[in-house]
Protein backbone atom coordinates (compact mmCIF):
# COMPACT_ATOMS: atom_id res chain seq x y z
CA UNK A 1 -45.53 50.15 93.90
CA UNK A 2 -45.15 52.31 90.77
CA UNK A 3 -42.45 52.22 89.03
CA UNK A 4 -39.96 55.45 89.28
CA UNK A 5 -39.62 55.61 85.61
CA UNK A 6 -41.93 57.84 84.37
CA UNK A 7 -42.08 55.58 80.81
CA UNK A 8 -43.75 52.37 81.61
CA UNK A 9 -41.54 49.03 79.90
CA UNK A 10 -43.59 46.91 77.21
CA UNK A 11 -40.95 44.28 76.91
CA UNK A 12 -43.31 41.59 77.84
CA UNK A 13 -46.48 42.87 76.02
CA UNK A 14 -47.51 40.32 72.98
CA UNK A 15 -47.22 43.02 69.88
CA UNK A 16 -43.85 43.12 70.02
CA UNK A 17 -42.21 43.34 66.23
CA UNK A 18 -39.00 44.82 64.55
CA UNK A 19 -40.20 47.80 64.04
CA UNK A 20 -38.55 50.16 61.88
CA UNK A 21 -39.25 54.08 61.12
CA UNK A 22 -39.03 56.96 59.11
CA UNK A 23 -39.04 60.46 60.13
CA UNK A 24 -39.45 63.20 57.64
CA UNK A 25 -37.91 66.23 59.36
CA UNK A 26 -35.58 69.17 58.19
CA UNK A 27 -32.15 68.62 57.37
CA UNK A 28 -30.82 70.66 60.44
CA UNK A 29 -27.90 70.53 63.18
CA UNK A 30 -28.60 68.36 66.13
CA UNK A 31 -32.01 66.90 64.67
CA UNK A 32 -30.93 63.41 65.31
CA UNK A 33 -30.01 64.26 68.43
CA UNK A 34 -33.23 65.40 70.02
CA UNK A 35 -34.50 62.12 68.49
CA UNK A 36 -32.12 59.96 70.04
CA UNK A 37 -32.22 61.53 73.37
CA UNK A 38 -35.86 60.62 73.17
CA UNK A 39 -35.60 57.33 72.12
CA UNK A 40 -33.09 56.57 75.00
CA UNK A 41 -35.51 57.97 77.54
CA UNK A 42 -38.13 55.72 76.62
CA UNK A 43 -35.43 52.74 77.10
CA UNK A 44 -35.50 52.03 73.24
CA UNK A 45 -31.79 50.52 71.67
CA UNK A 46 -31.57 51.34 67.75
CA UNK A 47 -29.65 49.10 65.92
CA UNK A 48 -29.17 50.98 62.68
CA UNK A 49 -29.61 54.03 61.17
CA UNK A 50 -30.15 55.78 57.76
CA UNK A 51 -30.59 59.26 56.42
CA UNK A 52 -32.55 59.16 53.11
CA UNK A 53 -34.74 61.44 50.76
CA UNK A 54 -33.64 63.39 48.01
CA UNK A 55 -32.10 66.11 50.51
CA UNK A 56 -31.77 64.35 53.07
CA UNK A 57 -34.77 64.69 54.71
CA UNK A 58 -36.03 61.75 56.15
CA UNK A 59 -34.76 59.50 58.56
CA UNK A 60 -34.69 56.11 59.14
CA UNK A 61 -34.48 53.73 62.01
CA UNK A 62 -33.89 49.93 62.98
CA UNK A 63 -35.42 49.76 66.24
CA UNK A 64 -35.73 45.93 67.01
CA UNK A 65 -37.24 45.99 70.58
CA UNK A 66 -39.65 48.77 69.98
CA UNK A 67 -43.36 47.50 69.85
CA UNK A 68 -46.49 48.84 68.94
CA UNK A 69 -47.82 50.81 72.14
CA UNK A 70 -44.42 52.29 72.88
CA UNK A 71 -44.40 53.70 68.73
CA UNK A 72 -48.60 55.07 69.89
CA UNK A 73 -46.85 56.61 72.73
CA UNK A 74 -43.49 57.85 71.15
CA UNK A 75 -45.38 59.15 68.05
CA UNK A 76 -46.89 62.14 69.21
CA UNK A 77 -43.61 63.43 70.86
CA UNK A 78 -41.03 62.67 68.31
CA UNK A 79 -43.11 64.96 66.00
CA UNK A 80 -43.35 67.96 68.41
CA UNK A 81 -39.46 67.98 67.90
CA UNK A 82 -38.79 71.16 66.33
CA UNK A 83 -38.47 70.40 62.12
CA UNK A 84 -39.84 66.68 63.01
CA UNK A 85 -42.81 66.85 59.89
CA UNK A 86 -44.71 63.30 60.43
CA UNK A 87 -43.45 59.88 61.81
CA UNK A 88 -44.71 56.73 60.31
CA UNK A 89 -43.83 52.88 60.19
CA UNK A 90 -42.18 51.54 57.31
CA UNK A 91 -41.91 47.77 55.79
CA UNK A 92 -38.19 48.00 55.43
CA UNK A 93 -35.07 50.52 55.47
CA UNK A 94 -33.93 51.91 52.19
CA UNK A 95 -30.24 50.02 52.49
CA UNK A 96 -32.47 46.66 53.25
CA UNK A 97 -34.98 47.62 50.07
CA UNK A 98 -32.26 48.43 48.34
CA UNK A 99 -30.83 44.96 48.93
CA UNK A 100 -33.72 42.62 47.87
CA UNK A 101 -34.26 44.37 44.93
CA UNK A 102 -30.77 43.99 43.75
CA UNK A 103 -31.04 39.82 45.05
CA UNK A 104 -34.55 39.73 43.00
CA UNK A 105 -32.91 41.08 39.65
CA UNK A 106 -30.04 39.44 39.78
CA UNK A 107 -31.72 36.23 40.72
CA UNK A 108 -33.80 36.65 37.52
CA UNK A 109 -31.16 36.96 35.13
CA UNK A 110 -29.90 33.31 33.74
CA UNK A 111 -26.21 34.81 33.13
CA UNK A 112 -23.61 35.03 36.00
CA UNK A 113 -23.04 37.99 37.47
CA UNK A 114 -20.15 37.70 40.22
CA UNK A 115 -18.73 41.15 42.46
CA UNK A 116 -14.90 40.65 42.45
CA UNK A 117 -12.43 43.29 45.38
CA UNK A 118 -9.28 44.14 44.61
CA UNK A 119 -7.75 41.14 46.12
CA UNK A 120 -9.15 38.91 43.68
CA UNK A 121 -11.88 37.52 45.55
CA UNK A 122 -15.33 37.12 44.71
CA UNK A 123 -17.94 38.99 47.47
CA UNK A 124 -20.78 38.49 45.96
CA UNK A 125 -22.61 36.69 43.07
CA UNK A 126 -26.08 35.58 41.71
CA UNK A 127 -27.56 32.35 41.96
CA UNK A 128 -26.79 31.77 38.25
CA UNK A 129 -23.01 32.15 38.98
CA UNK A 130 -23.13 30.06 42.16
CA UNK A 131 -24.53 27.44 39.79
CA UNK A 132 -21.78 27.92 37.25
CA UNK A 133 -19.43 27.21 40.08
CA UNK A 134 -20.56 24.14 41.80
CA UNK A 135 -21.52 25.65 45.08
CA UNK A 136 -24.19 27.59 47.02
CA UNK A 137 -24.87 31.27 46.70
CA UNK A 138 -23.70 31.89 50.95
CA UNK A 139 -21.08 29.98 50.07
CA UNK A 140 -19.49 32.59 46.98
CA UNK A 141 -18.46 35.08 49.62
CA UNK A 142 -14.26 34.80 50.11
CA UNK A 143 -13.71 32.53 47.51
CA UNK A 144 -10.49 33.20 45.24
CA UNK A 145 -11.78 34.06 41.30
CA UNK A 146 -8.44 32.58 40.27
CA UNK A 147 -9.76 29.05 41.15
CA UNK A 148 -11.94 29.19 38.37
CA UNK A 149 -10.92 31.65 35.65
CA UNK A 150 -7.70 30.19 33.69
CA UNK A 151 -4.62 32.64 33.14
CA UNK A 152 -7.39 35.85 34.51
CA UNK A 153 -5.92 38.46 36.68
CA UNK A 154 -9.06 40.82 36.80
CA UNK A 155 -7.24 43.35 39.79
CA UNK A 156 -4.40 43.71 37.36
CA UNK A 157 -6.71 44.41 34.32
CA UNK A 158 -9.17 46.88 36.28
CA UNK A 159 -5.83 48.72 37.62
CA UNK A 160 -4.64 48.93 34.05
CA UNK A 161 -8.02 49.97 32.04
CA UNK A 162 -10.23 51.88 35.28
CA UNK A 163 -13.07 51.89 32.20
CA UNK A 164 -15.28 48.98 31.30
CA UNK A 165 -13.93 46.29 29.22
CA UNK A 166 -16.54 44.15 26.86
CA UNK A 167 -16.67 40.54 25.19
CA UNK A 168 -13.28 39.66 26.92
CA UNK A 169 -12.77 36.18 25.70
CA UNK A 170 -12.33 33.98 29.01
CA UNK A 171 -12.24 30.20 30.20
CA UNK A 172 -14.35 29.06 32.86
CA UNK A 173 -14.03 25.63 34.31
CA UNK A 174 -13.11 24.83 30.78
CA UNK A 175 -15.89 26.38 29.08
CA UNK A 176 -15.44 29.80 26.93
CA UNK A 177 -17.29 32.78 27.58
CA UNK A 178 -17.28 36.38 26.66
CA UNK A 179 -16.84 38.49 29.94
CA UNK A 180 -18.31 42.55 30.30
CA UNK A 181 -15.99 44.02 32.99
CA UNK A 182 -17.59 47.30 35.24
CA UNK A 183 -14.74 48.45 37.47
CA UNK A 184 -16.37 49.98 41.05
CA UNK A 185 -14.68 52.87 41.73
CA UNK A 186 -15.53 56.40 43.67
CA UNK A 187 -15.87 59.44 41.97
CA UNK A 188 -11.91 59.97 41.17
CA UNK A 189 -10.44 57.80 39.32
CA UNK A 190 -7.76 57.07 41.27
CA UNK A 191 -6.49 53.80 41.71
CA UNK A 192 -6.51 52.85 45.44
CA UNK A 193 -10.09 54.33 44.71
CA UNK A 194 -10.87 51.75 42.89
CA UNK A 195 -12.67 48.96 45.32
CA UNK A 196 -13.02 45.86 42.45
CA UNK A 197 -15.27 45.07 39.56
CA UNK A 198 -18.67 43.35 38.54
CA UNK A 199 -17.75 40.65 36.32
CA UNK A 200 -20.84 39.68 33.80
CA UNK A 201 -20.70 36.15 31.97
CA UNK A 202 -21.64 35.57 28.59
CA UNK A 203 -21.86 31.73 26.61
CA UNK A 204 -19.72 32.12 24.21
CA UNK A 205 -21.57 29.63 22.23
CA UNK A 206 -25.33 31.07 23.30
CA UNK A 207 -24.44 34.80 22.74
CA UNK A 208 -25.74 34.79 18.90
CA UNK A 209 -26.96 37.49 17.06
CA UNK A 210 -27.24 39.76 20.25
CA UNK A 211 -23.57 40.20 21.02
CA UNK A 212 -22.63 40.02 17.24
CA UNK A 213 -24.93 42.87 16.39
CA UNK A 214 -23.35 45.00 19.13
CA UNK A 215 -20.34 44.70 17.42
CA UNK A 216 -20.97 45.01 13.78
CA UNK A 217 -22.08 48.69 15.20
CA UNK A 218 -19.17 49.56 16.80
CA UNK A 219 -17.98 50.83 13.93
CA UNK A 220 -20.46 53.72 12.61
CA UNK A 221 -20.91 55.77 9.81
CA UNK A 222 -17.88 55.22 6.16
CA UNK A 223 -15.87 53.38 9.00
CA UNK A 224 -18.40 50.69 9.22
CA UNK A 225 -17.76 49.88 5.16
CA UNK A 226 -15.15 48.12 4.00
CA UNK A 227 -13.19 49.78 1.21
CA UNK A 228 -10.36 47.36 0.63
CA UNK A 229 -11.71 47.39 -3.02
CA UNK A 230 -10.42 49.77 -5.25
CA UNK A 231 -14.34 50.19 -6.58
CA UNK A 232 -15.59 50.52 -3.83
CA UNK A 233 -13.47 53.07 -2.39
CA UNK A 234 -14.04 55.06 -4.96
CA UNK A 235 -17.97 54.89 -4.50
CA UNK A 236 -17.00 55.79 -0.39
CA UNK A 237 -15.35 59.20 -1.83
CA UNK A 238 -18.28 59.78 -3.69
CA UNK A 239 -20.39 59.13 -0.73
CA UNK A 240 -18.33 61.12 1.12
CA UNK A 241 -19.19 64.31 -0.90
CA UNK A 242 -22.91 63.85 -1.27
CA UNK A 243 -23.54 62.85 2.18
CA UNK A 244 -24.04 66.50 3.44
CA UNK A 245 -25.65 67.88 1.07
CA UNK A 246 -29.75 67.94 1.85
CA UNK A 247 -31.07 66.98 -1.62
CA UNK A 248 -32.19 63.72 -2.31
CA UNK A 249 -30.15 60.39 -2.96
CA UNK A 250 -30.70 57.23 -4.63
CA UNK A 251 -28.69 53.99 -4.16
CA UNK A 252 -28.82 51.45 -7.30
CA UNK A 253 -27.04 48.42 -5.79
CA UNK A 254 -27.91 44.63 -5.92
CA UNK A 255 -29.03 42.79 -3.04
CA UNK A 256 -26.50 42.32 -0.24
CA UNK A 257 -24.19 44.89 -1.82
CA UNK A 258 -24.86 46.79 1.78
CA UNK A 259 -27.12 50.11 0.24
CA UNK A 260 -28.87 50.47 4.37
CA UNK A 261 -25.43 50.57 5.51
CA UNK A 262 -24.49 53.25 2.58
CA UNK A 263 -27.45 55.43 3.49
CA UNK A 264 -26.95 55.17 6.93
CA UNK A 265 -23.29 56.45 6.69
CA UNK A 266 -24.16 59.62 4.44
CA UNK A 267 -27.01 60.03 7.35
CA UNK A 268 -24.14 60.23 10.14
CA UNK A 269 -21.75 62.19 7.76
CA UNK A 270 -25.12 65.00 7.25
CA UNK A 271 -25.82 67.67 9.70
CA UNK A 272 -28.84 65.78 10.05
CA UNK A 273 -26.35 63.17 12.41
CA UNK A 274 -27.97 63.25 15.51
CA UNK A 275 -31.35 63.09 13.95
CA UNK A 276 -33.36 60.02 13.73
CA UNK A 277 -32.36 57.58 10.97
CA UNK A 278 -35.79 55.59 9.91
CA UNK A 279 -35.63 52.94 7.03
CA UNK A 280 -38.73 50.98 5.45
CA UNK A 281 -38.58 48.29 3.16
CA UNK A 282 -41.74 49.28 0.34
CA UNK A 283 -40.81 45.62 -1.51
CA UNK A 284 -43.51 43.38 -0.66
CA UNK A 285 -45.68 45.27 1.87
CA UNK A 286 -49.29 45.62 0.78
CA UNK A 287 -50.33 49.34 -0.96
CA UNK A 288 -52.35 50.15 2.40
CA UNK A 289 -49.78 48.60 5.19
CA UNK A 290 -46.72 50.66 3.47
CA UNK A 291 -48.80 53.74 2.98
CA UNK A 292 -50.15 53.99 6.99
CA UNK A 293 -46.65 52.95 8.13
CA UNK A 294 -45.06 55.50 5.71
CA UNK A 295 -47.96 58.25 6.79
CA UNK A 296 -49.53 57.33 9.58
CA UNK A 297 -53.75 57.50 10.00
CA UNK A 298 -55.57 59.88 11.66
CA UNK A 299 -58.43 59.21 14.31
CA UNK A 300 -61.12 56.36 13.52
CA UNK A 301 -59.20 55.84 9.66
CA UNK A 302 -60.76 52.54 9.22
CA UNK A 303 -62.27 49.74 11.08
CA UNK A 304 -59.29 48.43 13.83
CA UNK A 305 -57.51 51.59 14.02
CA UNK A 306 -56.40 53.38 17.06
CA UNK A 307 -58.52 56.00 18.59
CA UNK A 308 -56.39 58.37 18.58
CA UNK A 309 -54.55 57.68 15.93
CA UNK A 310 -51.31 56.54 14.49
CA UNK A 311 -47.77 58.79 13.43
CA UNK A 312 -45.69 57.34 10.69
CA UNK A 313 -42.38 56.83 9.61
CA UNK A 314 -42.17 60.52 8.01
CA UNK A 315 -43.08 61.79 11.24
CA UNK A 316 -41.23 60.38 13.52
CA UNK A 317 -38.18 60.65 11.03
CA UNK A 318 -38.87 64.88 11.75
CA UNK A 319 -35.56 66.58 11.13
CA UNK A 320 -33.29 63.65 10.08
CA UNK A 321 -33.28 61.23 7.15
CA UNK A 322 -36.16 58.42 5.77
CA UNK A 323 -34.55 55.52 4.34
CA UNK A 324 -36.87 53.75 1.78
CA UNK A 325 -35.54 50.41 0.35
CA UNK A 326 -37.25 49.09 -2.76
CA UNK A 327 -38.61 52.02 -3.63
CA UNK A 328 -39.15 50.41 -7.22
CA UNK A 329 -42.14 48.60 -5.78
CA UNK A 330 -44.13 51.34 -4.74
CA UNK A 331 -47.41 51.36 -5.65
CA UNK A 332 -48.59 54.20 -7.94
CA UNK A 333 -50.57 55.68 -5.39
CA UNK A 334 -47.74 55.83 -3.15
CA UNK A 335 -45.43 57.74 -5.66
CA UNK A 336 -47.61 60.07 -6.21
CA UNK A 337 -47.99 60.81 -2.38
CA UNK A 338 -43.95 60.60 -2.22
CA UNK A 339 -43.40 62.96 -5.31
CA UNK A 340 -45.93 65.75 -3.37
CA UNK A 341 -44.09 65.58 0.18
CA UNK A 342 -40.41 65.96 -1.95
CA UNK A 343 -42.39 69.12 -3.73
CA UNK A 344 -44.31 70.98 -1.01
CA UNK A 345 -42.58 69.44 2.36
CA UNK A 346 -45.87 68.26 3.36
CA UNK A 347 -48.51 65.15 2.75
CA UNK A 348 -51.37 64.08 4.95
CA UNK A 349 -52.44 61.06 7.18
CA UNK A 350 -54.58 58.18 5.97
CA UNK A 351 -58.24 59.33 6.79
CA UNK A 352 -57.20 62.65 7.65
CA UNK A 353 -56.96 65.99 5.85
CA UNK A 354 -54.75 67.59 8.19
CA UNK A 355 -51.75 68.95 6.11
CA UNK A 356 -48.45 67.81 7.80
CA UNK A 357 -45.36 70.09 7.22
CA UNK A 358 -41.79 68.23 8.07
CA UNK A 359 -38.58 68.53 7.28
CA UNK A 360 -36.88 65.03 5.97
CA UNK A 361 -33.99 64.06 3.87
CA UNK A 362 -35.35 61.10 1.72
CA UNK A 363 -32.81 58.22 0.27
CA UNK A 364 -34.17 55.66 -1.53
CA UNK A 365 -32.71 52.42 -2.61
CA UNK A 366 -33.38 49.51 -6.20
CA UNK A 367 -32.15 46.70 -7.03
CA UNK A 368 -33.80 47.81 -10.40
CA UNK A 369 -33.00 50.32 -12.91
CA UNK A 370 -35.65 53.06 -12.24
CA UNK A 371 -35.29 54.52 -15.76
CA UNK A 372 -36.48 51.15 -17.29
CA UNK A 373 -39.35 51.10 -15.21
CA UNK A 374 -40.40 54.69 -16.27
CA UNK A 375 -40.03 53.77 -19.93
CA UNK A 376 -42.12 50.66 -19.82
CA UNK A 377 -44.93 53.04 -17.51
CA UNK A 378 -44.41 51.47 -14.11
CA UNK A 379 -42.53 54.58 -12.37
CA UNK A 380 -43.42 58.00 -12.62
CA UNK A 381 -41.05 59.92 -14.83
CA UNK A 382 -41.41 63.15 -12.73
CA UNK A 383 -40.60 60.98 -9.22
CA UNK A 384 -37.47 60.00 -10.54
CA UNK A 385 -36.01 62.89 -11.45
CA UNK A 386 -36.73 64.27 -8.14
CA UNK A 387 -35.23 61.22 -6.46
CA UNK A 388 -31.87 60.72 -9.04
CA UNK A 389 -30.84 64.35 -7.49
CA UNK A 390 -27.73 62.88 -6.83
CA UNK A 391 -27.02 58.98 -7.15
CA UNK A 392 -24.87 56.06 -6.31
CA UNK A 393 -24.15 52.87 -7.69
CA UNK A 394 -22.36 50.32 -5.26
CA UNK A 395 -20.74 47.32 -7.18
CA UNK A 396 -21.89 44.19 -7.02
CA UNK A 397 -19.02 41.67 -5.27
CA UNK A 398 -17.65 39.76 -7.95
CA UNK A 399 -16.37 43.24 -9.31
CA UNK A 400 -14.59 43.70 -6.23
CA UNK A 401 -12.49 40.74 -5.80
CA UNK A 402 -9.29 42.81 -5.24
CA UNK A 403 -10.42 43.77 -1.81
CA UNK A 404 -11.62 40.13 -0.64
CA UNK A 405 -9.22 39.21 1.50
CA UNK A 406 -9.08 41.62 3.85
CA UNK A 407 -13.00 41.20 3.79
CA UNK A 408 -12.84 37.55 4.56
CA UNK A 409 -10.19 38.24 7.09
CA UNK A 410 -12.96 40.58 9.17
CA UNK A 411 -15.65 38.10 8.73
CA UNK A 412 -14.16 35.07 9.61
CA UNK A 413 -12.96 37.26 13.30
CA UNK A 414 -17.12 38.51 13.56
CA UNK A 415 -17.61 34.94 13.41
CA UNK A 416 -14.70 33.35 15.73
CA UNK A 417 -16.25 35.43 18.01
CA UNK A 418 -19.92 35.32 17.44
CA UNK A 419 -19.48 31.37 18.14
CA UNK A 420 -16.92 31.85 20.76
CA UNK A 421 -13.77 29.75 19.33
CA UNK A 422 -10.26 30.78 18.65
CA UNK A 423 -9.70 32.58 15.07
CA UNK A 424 -9.52 30.02 12.51
CA UNK A 425 -7.24 30.10 9.54
CA UNK A 426 -8.25 29.66 5.71
CA UNK A 427 -7.05 27.22 3.67
CA UNK A 428 -5.52 28.23 0.38
CA UNK A 429 -7.91 26.34 -1.71
CA UNK A 430 -10.62 27.62 0.16
CA UNK A 431 -9.25 31.34 -0.41
CA UNK A 432 -9.20 29.95 -4.15
CA UNK A 433 -12.92 28.96 -4.32
CA UNK A 434 -14.27 32.01 -2.92
CA UNK A 435 -11.90 34.19 -5.46
CA UNK A 436 -13.51 32.16 -8.29
CA UNK A 437 -17.24 32.41 -7.00
CA UNK A 438 -19.55 34.98 -8.46
CA UNK A 439 -21.34 35.47 -5.27
CA UNK A 440 -25.06 36.92 -6.54
CA UNK A 441 -26.17 37.39 -2.67
CA UNK A 442 -22.80 39.36 -2.64
CA UNK A 443 -21.06 41.02 0.69
CA UNK A 444 -24.45 39.66 2.87
CA UNK A 445 -23.37 35.92 1.31
CA UNK A 446 -19.90 36.18 2.09
CA UNK A 447 -21.04 37.06 5.76
CA UNK A 448 -22.94 33.76 6.24
CA UNK A 449 -20.81 31.48 4.13
CA UNK A 450 -17.84 32.34 6.02
CA UNK A 451 -20.28 31.96 9.54
CA UNK A 452 -21.67 28.86 8.46
CA UNK A 453 -17.16 27.60 7.38
CA UNK A 454 -16.48 28.60 10.72
CA UNK A 455 -19.11 26.55 12.25
CA UNK A 456 -18.06 23.51 10.24
CA UNK A 457 -14.68 23.62 10.64
CA UNK A 458 -12.79 21.43 12.79
CA UNK A 459 -9.09 21.87 14.26
CA UNK A 460 -9.07 25.54 13.70
CA UNK A 461 -8.61 25.72 9.97
CA UNK A 462 -11.25 26.77 7.47
CA UNK A 463 -11.09 24.00 4.43
CA UNK A 464 -12.59 24.15 0.88
CA UNK A 465 -15.37 21.42 1.72
CA UNK A 466 -16.31 24.25 4.57
CA UNK A 467 -17.40 27.00 1.81
CA UNK A 468 -20.09 25.80 0.64
CA UNK A 469 -21.64 27.83 -2.08
CA UNK A 470 -24.91 27.24 -4.22
CA UNK A 471 -24.57 27.22 -8.30
CA UNK A 472 -27.61 29.09 -8.93
CA UNK A 473 -26.59 31.81 -10.99
CA UNK A 474 -23.17 30.99 -11.78
CA UNK A 475 -22.53 31.63 -15.33
CA UNK A 476 -22.93 28.81 -17.76
CA UNK A 477 -20.48 27.83 -20.37
CA UNK A 478 -21.02 29.48 -23.77
CA UNK A 479 -21.67 26.14 -25.24
CA UNK A 480 -21.09 24.84 -29.02
CA UNK A 481 -21.68 27.33 -31.73
CA UNK A 482 -22.97 26.97 -35.68
CA UNK A 483 -20.55 28.00 -38.04
CA UNK A 484 -22.71 28.30 -41.13
CA UNK A 485 -23.17 31.50 -42.54
CA UNK A 486 -20.53 34.69 -42.99
CA UNK A 487 -18.62 35.87 -40.18
CA UNK A 488 -21.25 38.06 -39.10
CA UNK A 489 -23.75 35.63 -38.97
CA UNK A 490 -21.63 33.52 -36.64
CA UNK A 491 -20.50 36.71 -34.41
CA UNK A 492 -23.94 37.85 -34.24
CA UNK A 493 -25.02 34.27 -32.57
CA UNK A 494 -22.53 34.58 -30.45
CA UNK A 495 -23.28 38.15 -29.47
CA UNK A 496 -27.22 37.04 -28.33
CA UNK A 497 -25.55 34.24 -26.57
CA UNK A 498 -23.52 36.31 -24.38
CA UNK A 499 -26.00 39.44 -24.02
CA UNK A 500 -28.66 36.78 -22.71
CA UNK A 501 -26.44 35.43 -20.25
CA UNK A 502 -25.28 38.16 -18.90
CA UNK A 503 -28.39 40.11 -18.82
CA UNK A 504 -29.56 37.61 -15.90
CA UNK A 505 -26.81 39.21 -13.78
CA UNK A 506 -27.65 42.86 -15.21
CA UNK A 507 -31.13 43.33 -15.97
CA UNK A 508 -31.46 46.30 -17.30
CA UNK A 509 -29.51 48.19 -20.59
CA UNK A 510 -27.71 50.49 -18.11
CA UNK A 511 -26.00 48.43 -15.84
CA UNK A 512 -25.32 45.30 -18.86
CA UNK A 513 -23.87 48.47 -20.82
CA UNK A 514 -21.64 49.36 -17.86
CA UNK A 515 -20.56 45.85 -17.64
CA UNK A 516 -19.48 45.44 -21.08
CA UNK A 517 -17.92 48.77 -21.24
CA UNK A 518 -20.52 50.09 -23.86
CA UNK A 519 -23.46 52.43 -23.70
CA UNK A 520 -26.51 51.77 -22.37
CA UNK A 521 -28.19 53.01 -25.64
CA UNK A 522 -25.86 50.69 -27.09
CA UNK A 523 -27.04 47.55 -25.35
CA UNK A 524 -30.78 48.23 -25.49
CA UNK A 525 -30.68 48.51 -29.41
CA UNK A 526 -29.03 44.94 -29.08
CA UNK A 527 -31.53 43.73 -26.84
CA UNK A 528 -34.03 44.76 -29.09
CA UNK A 529 -32.17 43.52 -31.76
CA UNK A 530 -32.06 39.90 -30.77
CA UNK A 531 -35.48 40.06 -28.79
CA UNK A 532 -34.45 39.81 -25.14
CA UNK A 533 -34.88 41.63 -21.84
CA UNK A 534 -38.86 41.23 -22.77
CA UNK A 535 -41.53 39.03 -21.05
């Protein structure tokens, strides 16, 4: 006898599967009711439903007992409902896809990630976190975070801050980690809307340069430049006045003095501060490479070039600031192209006849005295005068030792955060050792020396033996002098040795004149008199 139900059941058919369907439809009142009524007529149970699409224009239904033949029979009837545009089977519900993608992403991370509720219980964790805690991933939910992290009340911290916290030092099962905490909250900032937080842990002894460099760039512009020395504070005051101007700027200073840092600060304090800042170190680059990096090249400019050509740093910096370090080592050809750009605001890419016009401010830096290079014919005088419209001289660290203590304290703190240890104290003898050193590598050398010292010290105290300073470039004793001859002859021999020794540290008449408090013309004459400063 025929079944009284006009829609036959197919529960025993071998094609049964847990079907998920997507109904692309109009977002109208009552459309979900119409769809569900049809499914009820067919005896189809809906285990879960979700609304998706960009404007809620898709309904997803998970029907565990829906089989293939039923779906084929249902499909035209569903599509006949007013406002339904199409029906198809899908492999996953949107929430299932997000869950699987999130699990795959978290599983691929090699650092622990945990989700914590406002009661301090762990809701979920990735595989790396479970390994850290010593449990299986499925055992994590419900565990108290306080069992594993010492002296750390995460819910209270989230309530107090209600914002992201980065780099908080915590101990997990005895090991030091840096924790990033991201609160989970609704659209409103009320405390009752907080649902918990996501906790990301970075092992402090493996954080390395990545975390450290993020910390180094937390301070921006002139605030990132230490001005504890009176001399350095004066330089920054000059730089603040020059920063808003649009003319080229020349920064002179020894290696490691922070020329690029000062150039970035000037850029950020200028009207171009929101535009790109690009840097190129001209020292040691072959002429062809430096030219293509700076000016780019046209399509098919040379064998191996990209067919579409390449933009140079100048074009990538359009509207911003270009920083050229080691400008004294530019080849004559590059000097000519740079001069033309500074004069006319245009240039040609390598292998192209097209004129490119740009608005870019140029800041250059040099370790050598460009005026001396001009005198030797090694640098174009017209380019030097174009670059030297505004100029700054960064003094070496040995001339800024009145501000050494705050600088040392800052680098000790940075190094301890990078290594993941407590902030060590500094022995008086250690500081004295640094205060009497000549620092040929300047601030960069000081930073590296203190990082090494923190990594070497034990017991929370940096001692003198932890401050490892090379002797190269150290000033030597003047030695014995003959007293033969008259006073002028004796003083002349002494003067020659003084100039000879200091010229190694101040290799130009201008720098040496500043060091000795006399004019560079006087120094140039004496160097010539004693045959010094020439190869």
